[in-house]
Amino acid sequence: MDSIVKLASQKAVVIFSKSSCCMCHAIKRLFYEQGVSPMIYEIDQIPNGKEMEWALIRLGCNPSVPAVFIGGNFVGSASTVMTLQINGSLKKMLKDAGALWL
C-alpha cells in the first residue's frame, strides 16, 4: 500500500487503470479533454500489478480501477469522478493540485 501512496504523490493527477477497462478509458479521456496530463499506471501491464490491485482494494477502491488520485489524495473511482465533473468541483480540485492553470 505504501507504493500506491508513493506513486500517487508523484504527479498532480495519477490514475491506476487496466488497459482493457472501458471505464478506465472514459476517465482517462475526461482528463485529457480538459488538458490534464495524468500519470497512468496500467496495472495489468506491470509486473507487480496484482499486488497493486489488492492495495487499491484495501484503500477502498471498489472496483479496483479506475482509481484516481488528485494532489496525492484518493478521489475515487469512475462514478465519483463523474459526479465531481457534473457538479463542477473537479475543475477546482485540478486547479488546486496544479494540474490546470486556467
Protein backbone atom coordinates (compact mmCIF):
# COMPACT_ATOMS: atom_id res chain seq x y z
CA MET A 1 0.00 0.00 0.00
CA ASP A 2 2.94 2.35 0.60
CA SER A 3 3.96 2.01 -3.04
CA ILE A 4 0.48 3.16 -4.14
CA VAL A 5 0.68 6.25 -1.92
CA LYS A 6 4.21 7.00 -3.14
CA LEU A 7 3.24 6.65 -6.81
CA ALA A 8 0.06 8.69 -6.29
CA SER A 9 2.02 11.63 -4.93
CA GLN A 10 4.49 11.86 -7.82
CA LYS A 11 2.22 13.88 -10.12
CA ALA A 12 -0.82 16.15 -9.76
CA VAL A 13 -3.14 13.50 -11.24
CA VAL A 14 -2.47 9.77 -11.09
CA ILE A 15 -4.79 7.11 -12.46
CA PHE A 16 -4.44 3.39 -11.81
CA SER A 17 -6.06 1.66 -14.74
CA LYS A 18 -6.36 -1.53 -16.75
CA SER A 19 -5.79 -1.34 -20.48
CA SER A 20 -8.92 -3.38 -21.25
CA CYS A 21 -11.30 -1.43 -18.97
CA CYS A 22 -13.80 0.77 -20.80
CA MET A 23 -14.50 2.92 -17.71
CA CYS A 24 -10.77 3.50 -17.30
CA HIS A 25 -10.62 4.65 -20.90
CA ALA A 26 -13.54 7.05 -20.32
CA ILE A 27 -11.94 8.57 -17.22
CA LYS A 28 -8.55 8.99 -18.92
CA ARG A 29 -10.30 10.66 -21.85
CA LEU A 30 -12.13 13.02 -19.49
CA PHE A 31 -8.83 14.26 -18.07
CA TYR A 32 -7.12 14.50 -21.46
CA GLU A 33 -10.02 16.54 -22.87
CA GLN A 34 -9.62 19.05 -20.03
CA GLY A 35 -5.95 19.49 -20.83
CA VAL A 36 -4.69 17.42 -17.91
CA SER A 37 -1.80 15.05 -18.47
CA PRO A 38 -2.20 12.38 -15.79
CA MET A 39 0.35 9.76 -14.84
CA ILE A 40 -1.26 6.46 -15.75
CA TYR A 41 -0.33 3.08 -14.35
CA GLU A 42 -1.82 0.20 -16.36
CA ILE A 43 -1.75 -2.39 -13.59
CA ASP A 44 -2.48 -5.25 -15.98
CA GLN A 45 0.76 -4.48 -17.84
CA ILE A 46 3.25 -4.14 -14.99
CA PRO A 47 4.94 -6.97 -13.10
CA ASN A 48 3.56 -6.21 -9.62
CA GLY A 49 0.14 -5.17 -10.92
CA LYS A 50 -1.81 -7.79 -8.99
CA GLU A 51 -0.30 -6.61 -5.69
CA MET A 52 -1.14 -3.03 -6.65
CA GLU A 53 -4.71 -4.06 -7.36
CA TRP A 54 -5.05 -5.64 -3.91
CA ALA A 55 -3.58 -2.49 -2.32
CA LEU A 56 -6.13 -0.36 -4.19
CA ILE A 57 -8.94 -2.59 -2.93
CA ARG A 58 -7.63 -2.20 0.64
CA LEU A 59 -7.66 1.58 0.15
CA GLY A 60 -11.36 1.37 -0.61
CA CYS A 61 -11.37 1.21 -4.40
CA ASN A 62 -14.27 -0.97 -5.41
CA PRO A 63 -13.98 -1.76 -8.27
CA SER A 64 -10.21 -1.52 -8.10
CA VAL A 65 -9.89 0.54 -11.29
CA PRO A 66 -10.05 3.24 -12.33
CA ALA A 67 -8.58 4.66 -9.14
CA VAL A 68 -7.99 8.39 -9.38
CA PHE A 69 -5.67 10.40 -7.16
CA ILE A 70 -5.54 14.20 -7.35
CA GLY A 71 -2.89 16.08 -5.43
CA GLY A 72 -1.78 12.82 -3.83
CA ASN A 73 -5.24 12.19 -2.35
CA PHE A 74 -7.52 9.34 -3.32
CA VAL A 75 -10.57 10.82 -5.04
CA GLY A 76 -12.42 7.68 -6.03
CA SER A 77 -13.41 5.62 -9.00
CA ALA A 78 -15.30 6.46 -12.18
CA SER A 79 -18.64 7.26 -10.55
CA THR A 80 -17.07 9.67 -8.05
CA VAL A 81 -15.01 11.42 -10.71
CA MET A 82 -18.04 11.76 -12.99
CA THR A 83 -20.10 13.18 -10.11
CA LEU A 84 -17.36 15.73 -9.42
CA GLN A 85 -17.28 16.64 -13.11
CA ILE A 86 -21.05 17.10 -13.29
CA ASN A 87 -21.30 19.22 -10.15
CA GLY A 88 -18.34 21.38 -11.23
CA SER A 89 -15.94 20.64 -8.39
CA LEU A 90 -13.47 18.53 -10.39
CA LYS A 91 -12.03 21.58 -12.16
CA LYS A 92 -11.35 23.32 -8.83
CA MET A 93 -9.64 20.20 -7.47
CA LEU A 94 -7.47 20.05 -10.58
CA LYS A 95 -6.55 23.74 -10.29
CA ASP A 96 -5.73 23.38 -6.59
CA ALA A 97 -3.47 20.40 -7.35
CA GLY A 98 -1.66 22.31 -10.09
CA ALA A 99 -2.94 20.14 -12.91
CA LEU A 100 -4.77 23.04 -14.58
CA TRP A 101 -3.71 26.65 -14.86
CA LEU A 102 -6.79 28.22 -16.44
